[in-house]
Amino acid sequence: MFFFSREKINDLVAECRGTEGAVLLDVREADEFRAGHIPGAVNVPLSLISSIDIPKDRPLYVYCLRGSRSKSAVGALRQMGYADAKSIGGILSYKGPLER
């Protein structure tokens, strides 16, 4: 299994913030999101990914706790027509302030 480095997720969060129209998507459960998330992230739990209400032309940067759920979410999103969705790993590797 491939694990993302701390630098990788931080670089990709910065890339997301610099990409016009991009959405930082947290696919953890709502209680995990409330406990702390990357500032500016939108929460759509993996269990509810099929009900996502984001335009399909928006770039999606997807994260979870360790990276497994974000990879699953990206697979589902691509099947739903989100061509520009990428897994950026897990919040455990994120080095930066969290929002609560």
PDB file of N, CA and C in Angstrom:
ATOM      1  N   MET A   1       0.847  -1.189   0.000  1.00  0.00           N
ATOM      2  CA  MET A   1       0.000   0.000   0.000  1.00  0.00           C
ATOM      3  C   MET A   1       0.882   1.239   0.000  1.00  0.00           C
ATOM      4  N   PHE A   2       0.522   2.217  -0.786  1.00  0.00           N
ATOM      5  CA  PHE A   2       1.265   3.466  -0.898  1.00  0.00           C
ATOM      6  C   PHE A   2       0.737   4.471   0.118  1.00  0.00           C
ATOM      7  N   PHE A   3       1.645   5.009   0.911  1.00  0.00           N
ATOM      8  CA  PHE A   3       1.258   6.029   1.865  1.00  0.00           C
ATOM      9  C   PHE A   3       1.829   7.369   1.424  1.00  0.00           C
ATOM     10  N   PHE A   4       1.074   8.412   1.608  1.00  0.00           N
ATOM     11  CA  PHE A   4       1.494   9.743   1.211  1.00  0.00           C
ATOM     12  C   PHE A   4       2.385  10.337   2.282  1.00  0.00           C
ATOM     13  N   SER A   5       3.369  11.073   1.863  1.00  0.00           N
ATOM     14  CA  SER A   5       4.239  11.731   2.826  1.00  0.00           C
ATOM     15  C   SER A   5       3.590  13.030   3.290  1.00  0.00           C
ATOM     16  N   ARG A   6       4.065  13.510   4.402  1.00  0.00           N
ATOM     17  CA  ARG A   6       3.544  14.767   4.941  1.00  0.00           C
ATOM     18  C   ARG A   6       3.710  15.888   3.921  1.00  0.00           C
ATOM     19  N   GLU A   7       4.872  15.921   3.263  1.00  0.00           N
ATOM     20  CA  GLU A   7       5.119  16.975   2.282  1.00  0.00           C
ATOM     21  C   GLU A   7       4.138  16.860   1.116  1.00  0.00           C
ATOM     22  N   LYS A   8       3.825  15.663   0.703  1.00  0.00           N
ATOM     23  CA  LYS A   8       2.939  15.466  -0.438  1.00  0.00           C
ATOM     24  C   LYS A   8       1.552  16.051  -0.163  1.00  0.00           C
ATOM     25  N   ILE A   9       0.923  15.706   0.965  1.00  0.00           N
ATOM     26  CA  ILE A   9      -0.425  16.227   1.235  1.00  0.00           C
ATOM     27  C   ILE A   9      -0.371  17.747   1.402  1.00  0.00           C
ATOM     28  N   ASN A  10       0.648  18.261   2.052  1.00  0.00           N
ATOM     29  CA  ASN A  10       0.735  19.711   2.219  1.00  0.00           C
ATOM     30  C   ASN A  10       0.913  20.406   0.876  1.00  0.00           C
ATOM     31  N   ASP A  11       1.741  19.840   0.011  1.00  0.00           N
ATOM     32  CA  ASP A  11       1.917  20.412  -1.327  1.00  0.00           C
ATOM     33  C   ASP A  11       0.612  20.377  -2.112  1.00  0.00           C
ATOM     34  N   LEU A  12      -0.125  19.274  -1.985  1.00  0.00           N
ATOM     35  CA  LEU A  12      -1.369  19.135  -2.745  1.00  0.00           C
ATOM     36  C   LEU A  12      -2.488  20.020  -2.190  1.00  0.00           C
ATOM     37  N   VAL A  13      -2.503  20.263  -0.888  1.00  0.00           N
ATOM     38  CA  VAL A  13      -3.465  21.221  -0.322  1.00  0.00           C
ATOM     39  C   VAL A  13      -3.153  22.612  -0.877  1.00  0.00           C
ATOM     40  N   ALA A  14      -1.872  22.952  -0.928  1.00  0.00           N
ATOM     41  CA  ALA A  14      -1.480  24.253  -1.494  1.00  0.00           C
ATOM     42  C   ALA A  14      -1.859  24.327  -2.976  1.00  0.00           C
ATOM     43  N   GLU A  15      -1.663  23.230  -3.703  1.00  0.00           N
ATOM     44  CA  GLU A  15      -2.058  23.192  -5.121  1.00  0.00           C
ATOM     45  C   GLU A  15      -3.564  23.402  -5.260  1.00  0.00           C
ATOM     46  N   CYS A  16      -4.322  22.744  -4.405  1.00  0.00           N
ATOM     47  CA  CYS A  16      -5.780  22.890  -4.422  1.00  0.00           C
ATOM     48  C   CYS A  16      -6.171  24.351  -4.215  1.00  0.00           C
ATOM     49  N   ARG A  17      -5.556  24.975  -3.232  1.00  0.00           N
ATOM     50  CA  ARG A  17      -5.881  26.372  -2.932  1.00  0.00           C
ATOM     51  C   ARG A  17      -5.513  27.306  -4.068  1.00  0.00           C
ATOM     52  N   GLY A  18      -4.528  26.912  -4.884  1.00  0.00           N
ATOM     53  CA  GLY A  18      -4.112  27.735  -6.003  1.00  0.00           C
ATOM     54  C   GLY A  18      -4.798  27.389  -7.318  1.00  0.00           C
ATOM     55  N   THR A  19      -5.703  26.423  -7.283  1.00  0.00           N
ATOM     56  CA  THR A  19      -6.398  25.983  -8.493  1.00  0.00           C
ATOM     57  C   THR A  19      -7.804  26.562  -8.513  1.00  0.00           C
ATOM     58  N   GLU A  20      -8.097  27.344  -9.517  1.00  0.00           N
ATOM     59  CA  GLU A  20      -9.403  27.993  -9.610  1.00  0.00           C
ATOM     60  C   GLU A  20     -10.529  26.961  -9.616  1.00  0.00           C
ATOM     61  N   GLY A  21     -11.512  27.155  -8.739  1.00  0.00           N
ATOM     62  CA  GLY A  21     -12.689  26.304  -8.676  1.00  0.00           C
ATOM     63  C   GLY A  21     -12.493  24.983  -7.964  1.00  0.00           C
ATOM     64  N   ALA A  22     -11.282  24.708  -7.486  1.00  0.00           N
ATOM     65  CA  ALA A  22     -10.997  23.422  -6.842  1.00  0.00           C
ATOM     66  C   ALA A  22     -11.715  23.301  -5.502  1.00  0.00           C
ATOM     67  N   VAL A  23     -12.055  22.056  -5.155  1.00  0.00           N
ATOM     68  CA  VAL A  23     -12.724  21.752  -3.897  1.00  0.00           C
ATOM     69  C   VAL A  23     -11.844  20.782  -3.113  1.00  0.00           C
ATOM     70  N   LEU A  24     -11.584  21.108  -1.863  1.00  0.00           N
ATOM     71  CA  LEU A  24     -10.883  20.222  -0.942  1.00  0.00           C
ATOM     72  C   LEU A  24     -11.958  19.399  -0.248  1.00  0.00           C
ATOM     73  N   LEU A  25     -11.979  18.108  -0.498  1.00  0.00           N
ATOM     74  CA  LEU A  25     -13.065  17.243  -0.067  1.00  0.00           C
ATOM     75  C   LEU A  25     -12.601  16.259   0.992  1.00  0.00           C
ATOM     76  N   ASP A  26     -13.194  16.323   2.162  1.00  0.00           N
ATOM     77  CA  ASP A  26     -12.917  15.415   3.281  1.00  0.00           C
ATOM     78  C   ASP A  26     -13.996  14.341   3.279  1.00  0.00           C
ATOM     79  N   VAL A  27     -13.601  13.072   3.095  1.00  0.00           N
ATOM     80  CA  VAL A  27     -14.582  11.994   3.008  1.00  0.00           C
ATOM     81  C   VAL A  27     -14.679  11.178   4.298  1.00  0.00           C
ATOM     82  N   ARG A  28     -14.191  11.733   5.397  1.00  0.00           N
ATOM     83  CA  ARG A  28     -14.369  11.080   6.695  1.00  0.00           C
ATOM     84  C   ARG A  28     -15.799  11.297   7.171  1.00  0.00           C
ATOM     85  N   GLU A  29     -16.178  10.567   8.199  1.00  0.00           N
ATOM     86  CA  GLU A  29     -17.522  10.727   8.763  1.00  0.00           C
ATOM     87  C   GLU A  29     -17.659  12.100   9.422  1.00  0.00           C
ATOM     88  N   ALA A  30     -18.879  12.549   9.594  1.00  0.00           N
ATOM     89  CA  ALA A  30     -19.153  13.898  10.109  1.00  0.00           C
ATOM     90  C   ALA A  30     -18.523  14.156  11.471  1.00  0.00           C
ATOM     91  N   ASP A  31     -18.538  13.155  12.354  1.00  0.00           N
ATOM     92  CA  ASP A  31     -17.943  13.355  13.683  1.00  0.00           C
ATOM     93  C   ASP A  31     -16.428  13.520  13.592  1.00  0.00           C
ATOM     94  N   GLU A  32     -15.794  12.828  12.671  1.00  0.00           N
ATOM     95  CA  GLU A  32     -14.349  12.982  12.466  1.00  0.00           C
ATOM     96  C   GLU A  32     -14.051  14.380  11.924  1.00  0.00           C
ATOM     97  N   PHE A  33     -14.872  14.835  11.002  1.00  0.00           N
ATOM     98  CA  PHE A  33     -14.715  16.164  10.415  1.00  0.00           C
ATOM     99  C   PHE A  33     -14.845  17.241  11.486  1.00  0.00           C
ATOM    100  N   ARG A  34     -15.860  17.100  12.330  1.00  0.00           N
ATOM    101  CA  ARG A  34     -16.080  18.089  13.397  1.00  0.00           C
ATOM    102  C   ARG A  34     -14.926  18.121  14.394  1.00  0.00           C
ATOM    103  N   ALA A  35     -14.243  16.996  14.585  1.00  0.00           N
ATOM    104  CA  ALA A  35     -13.130  16.925  15.532  1.00  0.00           C
ATOM    105  C   ALA A  35     -11.905  17.686  15.030  1.00  0.00           C
ATOM    106  N   GLY A  36     -11.842  17.944  13.733  1.00  0.00           N
ATOM    107  CA  GLY A  36     -10.743  18.707  13.161  1.00  0.00           C
ATOM    108  C   GLY A  36     -10.551  18.375  11.704  1.00  0.00           C
ATOM    109  N   HIS A  37     -10.464  19.399  10.873  1.00  0.00           N
ATOM    110  CA  HIS A  37     -10.303  19.216   9.438  1.00  0.00           C
ATOM    111  C   HIS A  37      -9.408  20.314   8.870  1.00  0.00           C
ATOM    112  N   ILE A  38      -8.941  20.092   7.667  1.00  0.00           N
ATOM    113  CA  ILE A  38      -8.118  21.084   6.990  1.00  0.00           C
ATOM    114  C   ILE A  38      -9.003  22.287   6.651  1.00  0.00           C
ATOM    115  N   PRO A  39      -8.568  23.494   7.003  1.00  0.00           N
ATOM    116  CA  PRO A  39      -9.386  24.673   6.736  1.00  0.00           C
ATOM    117  C   PRO A  39      -9.831  24.764   5.273  1.00  0.00           C
ATOM    118  N   GLY A  40     -11.110  25.071   5.096  1.00  0.00           N
ATOM    119  CA  GLY A  40     -11.685  25.221   3.770  1.00  0.00           C
ATOM    120  C   GLY A  40     -12.240  23.935   3.178  1.00  0.00           C
ATOM    121  N   ALA A  41     -12.062  22.817   3.875  1.00  0.00           N
ATOM    122  CA  ALA A  41     -12.547  21.536   3.352  1.00  0.00           C
ATOM    123  C   ALA A  41     -14.066  21.439   3.446  1.00  0.00           C
ATOM    124  N   VAL A  42     -14.627  20.680   2.513  1.00  0.00           N
ATOM    125  CA  VAL A  42     -16.045  20.361   2.478  1.00  0.00           C
ATOM    126  C   VAL A  42     -16.168  18.893   2.873  1.00  0.00           C
ATOM    127  N   ASN A  43     -17.124  18.580   3.725  1.00  0.00           N
ATOM    128  CA  ASN A  43     -17.294  17.196   4.183  1.00  0.00           C
ATOM    129  C   ASN A  43     -18.427  16.498   3.446  1.00  0.00           C
ATOM    130  N   VAL A  44     -18.076  15.410   2.761  1.00  0.00           N
ATOM    131  CA  VAL A  44     -19.039  14.483   2.176  1.00  0.00           C
ATOM    132  C   VAL A  44     -18.507  13.092   2.524  1.00  0.00           C
ATOM    133  N   PRO A  45     -19.046  12.455   3.567  1.00  0.00           N
ATOM    134  CA  PRO A  45     -18.550  11.137   3.961  1.00  0.00           C
ATOM    135  C   PRO A  45     -18.594  10.138   2.802  1.00  0.00           C
ATOM    136  N   LEU A  46     -17.633   9.232   2.799  1.00  0.00           N
ATOM    137  CA  LEU A  46     -17.578   8.212   1.757  1.00  0.00           C
ATOM    138  C   LEU A  46     -18.915   7.490   1.625  1.00  0.00           C
ATOM    139  N   SER A  47     -19.576   7.247   2.752  1.00  0.00           N
ATOM    140  CA  SER A  47     -20.862   6.541   2.727  1.00  0.00           C
ATOM    141  C   SER A  47     -21.951   7.318   1.984  1.00  0.00           C
ATOM    142  N   LEU A  48     -21.741   8.621   1.767  1.00  0.00           N
ATOM    143  CA  LEU A  48     -22.729   9.469   1.086  1.00  0.00           C
ATOM    144  C   LEU A  48     -22.203  10.029  -0.244  1.00  0.00           C
ATOM    145  N   ILE A  49     -21.078   9.491  -0.717  1.00  0.00           N
ATOM    146  CA  ILE A  49     -20.432  10.073  -1.892  1.00  0.00           C
ATOM    147  C   ILE A  49     -21.342  10.094  -3.121  1.00  0.00           C
ATOM    148  N   SER A  50     -22.252   9.151  -3.226  1.00  0.00           N
ATOM    149  CA  SER A  50     -23.141   9.116  -4.397  1.00  0.00           C
ATOM    150  C   SER A  50     -24.130  10.288  -4.410  1.00  0.00           C
ATOM    151  N   SER A  51     -24.268  10.996  -3.278  1.00  0.00           N
ATOM    152  CA  SER A  51     -25.185  12.134  -3.221  1.00  0.00           C
ATOM    153  C   SER A  51     -24.451  13.476  -3.293  1.00  0.00           C
ATOM    154  N   ILE A  52     -23.191  13.451  -3.702  1.00  0.00           N
ATOM    155  CA  ILE A  52     -22.393  14.685  -3.769  1.00  0.00           C
ATOM    156  C   ILE A  52     -23.063  15.691  -4.716  1.00  0.00           C
ATOM    157  N   ASP A  53     -23.036  16.965  -4.325  1.00  0.00           N
ATOM    158  CA  ASP A  53     -23.679  18.020  -5.101  1.00  0.00           C
ATOM    159  C   ASP A  53     -22.646  19.097  -5.458  1.00  0.00           C
ATOM    160  N   ILE A  54     -21.635  18.691  -6.206  1.00  0.00           N
ATOM    161  CA  ILE A  54     -20.585  19.595  -6.671  1.00  0.00           C
ATOM    162  C   ILE A  54     -20.530  19.442  -8.192  1.00  0.00           C
ATOM    163  N   PRO A  55     -20.448  20.528  -8.931  1.00  0.00           N
ATOM    164  CA  PRO A  55     -20.379  20.411 -10.395  1.00  0.00           C
ATOM    165  C   PRO A  55     -19.229  19.500 -10.835  1.00  0.00           C
ATOM    166  N   LYS A  56     -19.482  18.706 -11.847  1.00  0.00           N
ATOM    167  CA  LYS A  56     -18.523  17.693 -12.297  1.00  0.00           C
ATOM    168  C   LYS A  56     -17.281  18.270 -12.952  1.00  0.00           C
ATOM    169  N   ASP A  57     -17.303  19.551 -13.308  1.00  0.00           N
ATOM    170  CA  ASP A  57     -16.123  20.141 -13.942  1.00  0.00           C
ATOM    171  C   ASP A  57     -15.143  20.738 -12.931  1.00  0.00           C
ATOM    172  N   ARG A  58     -15.473  20.664 -11.647  1.00  0.00           N
ATOM    173  CA  ARG A  58     -14.600  21.223 -10.609  1.00  0.00           C
ATOM    174  C   ARG A  58     -13.510  20.227 -10.232  1.00  0.00           C
ATOM    175  N   PRO A  59     -12.260  20.653 -10.105  1.00  0.00           N
ATOM    176  CA  PRO A  59     -11.209  19.754  -9.625  1.00  0.00           C
ATOM    177  C   PRO A  59     -11.464  19.395  -8.158  1.00  0.00           C
ATOM    178  N   LEU A  60     -11.337  18.128  -7.826  1.00  0.00           N
ATOM    179  CA  LEU A  60     -11.558  17.662  -6.459  1.00  0.00           C
ATOM    180  C   LEU A  60     -10.267  17.093  -5.896  1.00  0.00           C
ATOM    181  N   TYR A  61      -9.888  17.566  -4.722  1.00  0.00           N
ATOM    182  CA  TYR A  61      -8.727  17.071  -3.977  1.00  0.00           C
ATOM    183  C   TYR A  61      -9.300  16.382  -2.752  1.00  0.00           C
ATOM    184  N   VAL A  62      -9.172  15.065  -2.693  1.00  0.00           N
ATOM    185  CA  VAL A  62      -9.898  14.251  -1.727  1.00  0.00           C
ATOM    186  C   VAL A  62      -8.952  13.685  -0.675  1.00  0.00           C
ATOM    187  N   TYR A  63      -9.327  13.838   0.605  1.00  0.00           N
ATOM    188  CA  TYR A  63      -8.538  13.247   1.684  1.00  0.00           C
ATOM    189  C   TYR A  63      -9.449  12.591   2.710  1.00  0.00           C
ATOM    190  N   CYS A  64      -8.828  11.764   3.558  1.00  0.00           N
ATOM    191  CA  CYS A  64      -9.542  11.100   4.659  1.00  0.00           C
ATOM    192  C   CYS A  64      -8.588  11.052   5.856  1.00  0.00           C
ATOM    193  N   LEU A  65      -8.593   9.969   6.602  1.00  0.00           N
ATOM    194  CA  LEU A  65      -7.702   9.860   7.758  1.00  0.00           C
ATOM    195  C   LEU A  65      -6.304   9.405   7.336  1.00  0.00           C
ATOM    196  N   ARG A  66      -6.238   8.293   6.602  1.00  0.00           N
ATOM    197  CA  ARG A  66      -4.958   7.713   6.200  1.00  0.00           C
ATOM    198  C   ARG A  66      -4.759   7.631   4.687  1.00  0.00           C
ATOM    199  N   GLY A  67      -5.814   7.723   3.904  1.00  0.00           N
ATOM    200  CA  GLY A  67      -5.702   7.668   2.457  1.00  0.00           C
ATOM    201  C   GLY A  67      -6.530   6.582   1.799  1.00  0.00           C
ATOM    202  N   SER A  68      -6.980   5.590   2.551  1.00  0.00           N
ATOM    203  CA  SER A  68      -7.752   4.486   1.962  1.00  0.00           C
ATOM    204  C   SER A  68      -9.132   4.928   1.485  1.00  0.00           C
ATOM    205  N   ARG A  69      -9.858   5.642   2.329  1.00  0.00           N
ATOM    206  CA  ARG A  69     -11.200   6.082   1.944  1.00  0.00           C
ATOM    207  C   ARG A  69     -11.146   7.087   0.808  1.00  0.00           C
ATOM    208  N   SER A  70     -10.118   7.928   0.797  1.00  0.00           N
ATOM    209  CA  SER A  70     -10.027   8.910  -0.291  1.00  0.00           C
ATOM    210  C   SER A  70      -9.784   8.209  -1.623  1.00  0.00           C
ATOM    211  N   LYS A  71      -9.007   7.139  -1.630  1.00  0.00           N
ATOM    212  CA  LYS A  71      -8.796   6.375  -2.869  1.00  0.00           C
ATOM    213  C   LYS A  71     -10.102   5.747  -3.326  1.00  0.00           C
ATOM    214  N   SER A  72     -10.865   5.179  -2.400  1.00  0.00           N
ATOM    215  CA  SER A  72     -12.168   4.594  -2.739  1.00  0.00           C
ATOM    216  C   SER A  72     -13.115   5.657  -3.269  1.00  0.00           C
ATOM    217  N   ALA A  73     -13.120   6.815  -2.615  1.00  0.00           N
ATOM    218  CA  ALA A  73     -13.994   7.910  -3.037  1.00  0.00           C
ATOM    219  C   ALA A  73     -13.652   8.367  -4.448  1.00  0.00           C
ATOM    220  N   VAL A  74     -12.370   8.493  -4.753  1.00  0.00           N
ATOM    221  CA  VAL A  74     -11.957   8.934  -6.081  1.00  0.00           C
ATOM    222  C   VAL A  74     -12.401   7.930  -7.133  1.00  0.00           C
ATOM    223  N   GLY A  75     -12.299   6.643  -6.838  1.00  0.00           N
ATOM    224  CA  GLY A  75     -12.786   5.631  -7.770  1.00  0.00           C
ATOM    225  C   GLY A  75     -14.273   5.800  -8.049  1.00  0.00           C
ATOM    226  N   ALA A  76     -15.050   6.002  -6.994  1.00  0.00           N
ATOM    227  CA  ALA A  76     -16.494   6.203  -7.144  1.00  0.00           C
ATOM    228  C   ALA A  76     -16.783   7.503  -7.891  1.00  0.00           C
ATOM    229  N   LEU A  77     -16.072   8.557  -7.557  1.00  0.00           N
ATOM    230  CA  LEU A  77     -16.291   9.851  -8.207  1.00  0.00           C
ATOM    231  C   LEU A  77     -15.997   9.785  -9.696  1.00  0.00           C
ATOM    232  N   ARG A  78     -14.944   9.101 -10.056  1.00  0.00           N
ATOM    233  CA  ARG A  78     -14.612   8.976 -11.481  1.00  0.00           C
ATOM    234  C   ARG A  78     -15.694   8.204 -12.225  1.00  0.00           C
ATOM    235  N   GLN A  79     -16.243   7.180 -11.592  1.00  0.00           N
ATOM    236  CA  GLN A  79     -17.350   6.437 -12.212  1.00  0.00           C
ATOM    237  C   GLN A  79     -18.585   7.320 -12.375  1.00  0.00           C
ATOM    238  N   MET A  80     -18.717   8.323 -11.514  1.00  0.00           N
ATOM    239  CA  MET A  80     -19.849   9.239 -11.569  1.00  0.00           C
ATOM    240  C   MET A  80     -19.606  10.402 -12.541  1.00  0.00           C
ATOM    241  N   GLY A  81     -18.431  10.444 -13.164  1.00  0.00           N
ATOM    242  CA  GLY A  81     -18.150  11.486 -14.139  1.00  0.00           C
ATOM    243  C   GLY A  81     -17.247  12.608 -13.666  1.00  0.00           C
ATOM    244  N   TYR A  82     -16.670  12.489 -12.482  1.00  0.00           N
ATOM    245  CA  TYR A  82     -15.727  13.491 -11.975  1.00  0.00           C
ATOM    246  C   TYR A  82     -14.329  13.110 -12.460  1.00  0.00           C
ATOM    247  N   ALA A  83     -13.956  13.596 -13.627  1.00  0.00           N
ATOM    248  CA  ALA A  83     -12.684  13.210 -14.243  1.00  0.00           C
ATOM    249  C   ALA A  83     -11.478  13.799 -13.522  1.00  0.00           C
ATOM    250  N   ASP A  84     -11.661  14.957 -12.882  1.00  0.00           N
ATOM    251  CA  ASP A  84     -10.540  15.644 -12.236  1.00  0.00           C
ATOM    252  C   ASP A  84     -10.618  15.501 -10.713  1.00  0.00           C
ATOM    253  N   ALA A  85     -10.622  14.249 -10.252  1.00  0.00           N
ATOM    254  CA  ALA A  85     -10.636  13.962  -8.806  1.00  0.00           C
ATOM    255  C   ALA A  85      -9.354  13.236  -8.472  1.00  0.00           C
ATOM    256  N   LYS A  86      -8.690  13.657  -7.396  1.00  0.00           N
ATOM    257  CA  LYS A  86      -7.460  12.978  -7.003  1.00  0.00           C
ATOM    258  C   LYS A  86      -7.410  12.801  -5.496  1.00  0.00           C
ATOM    259  N   SER A  87      -6.900  11.657  -5.089  1.00  0.00           N
ATOM    260  CA  SER A  87      -6.681  11.370  -3.678  1.00  0.00           C
ATOM    261  C   SER A  87      -5.366  12.013  -3.261  1.00  0.00           C
ATOM    262  N   ILE A  88      -5.423  12.798  -2.189  1.00  0.00           N
ATOM    263  CA  ILE A  88      -4.202  13.442  -1.716  1.00  0.00           C
ATOM    264  C   ILE A  88      -3.707  12.830  -0.415  1.00  0.00           C
ATOM    265  N   GLY A  89      -4.352  11.770   0.055  1.00  0.00           N
ATOM    266  CA  GLY A  89      -3.862  11.068   1.230  1.00  0.00           C
ATOM    267  C   GLY A  89      -4.695  11.290   2.471  1.00  0.00           C
ATOM    268  N   GLY A  90      -4.005  11.240   3.608  1.00  0.00           N
ATOM    269  CA  GLY A  90      -4.700  11.317   4.885  1.00  0.00           C
ATOM    270  C   GLY A  90      -4.296  12.497   5.740  1.00  0.00           C
ATOM    271  N   ILE A  91      -5.230  12.954   6.530  1.00  0.00           N
ATOM    272  CA  ILE A  91      -5.018  14.108   7.398  1.00  0.00           C
ATOM    273  C   ILE A  91      -3.962  13.820   8.470  1.00  0.00           C
ATOM    274  N   LEU A  92      -3.724  12.541   8.771  1.00  0.00           N
ATOM    275  CA  LEU A  92      -2.689  12.212   9.746  1.00  0.00           C
ATOM    276  C   LEU A  92      -1.313  12.689   9.298  1.00  0.00           C
ATOM    277  N   SER A  93      -1.117  12.836   7.986  1.00  0.00           N
ATOM    278  CA  SER A  93       0.163  13.305   7.447  1.00  0.00           C
ATOM    279  C   SER A  93       0.200  14.811   7.227  1.00  0.00           C
ATOM    280  N   TYR A  94      -0.920  15.473   7.447  1.00  0.00           N
ATOM    281  CA  TYR A  94      -1.018  16.911   7.215  1.00  0.00           C
ATOM    282  C   TYR A  94      -0.320  17.679   8.329  1.00  0.00           C
ATOM    283  N   LYS A  95       0.511  18.623   7.931  1.00  0.00           N
ATOM    284  CA  LYS A  95       1.189  19.473   8.893  1.00  0.00           C
ATOM    285  C   LYS A  95       0.675  20.892   8.682  1.00  0.00           C
ATOM    286  N   GLY A  96      -0.204  21.309   9.530  1.00  0.00           N
ATOM    287  CA  GLY A  96      -0.779  22.635   9.409  1.00  0.00           C
ATOM    288  C   GLY A  96      -1.894  22.780  10.411  1.00  0.00           C
ATOM    289  N   PRO A  97      -2.487  23.962  10.485  1.00  0.00           N
ATOM    290  CA  PRO A  97      -3.561  24.186  11.442  1.00  0.00           C
ATOM    291  C   PRO A  97      -4.817  23.423  11.015  1.00  0.00           C
ATOM    292  N   LEU A  98      -5.586  23.020  12.004  1.00  0.00           N
ATOM    293  CA  LEU A  98      -6.861  22.374  11.761  1.00  0.00           C
ATOM    294  C   LEU A  98      -7.984  23.294  12.185  1.00  0.00           C
ATOM    295  N   GLU A  99      -9.099  23.174  11.526  1.00  0.00           N
ATOM    296  CA  GLU A  99     -10.293  23.935  11.844  1.00  0.00           C
ATOM    297  C   GLU A  99     -11.238  23.007  12.590  1.00  0.00           C
ATOM    298  N   ARG A 100     -11.941  23.525  13.558  1.00  0.00           N
ATOM    299  CA  ARG A 100     -12.914  22.717  14.315  1.00  0.00           C
ATOM    300  C   ARG A 100     -14.261  23.385  14.286  1.00  0.00           C
TER     301      ARG A 100
END
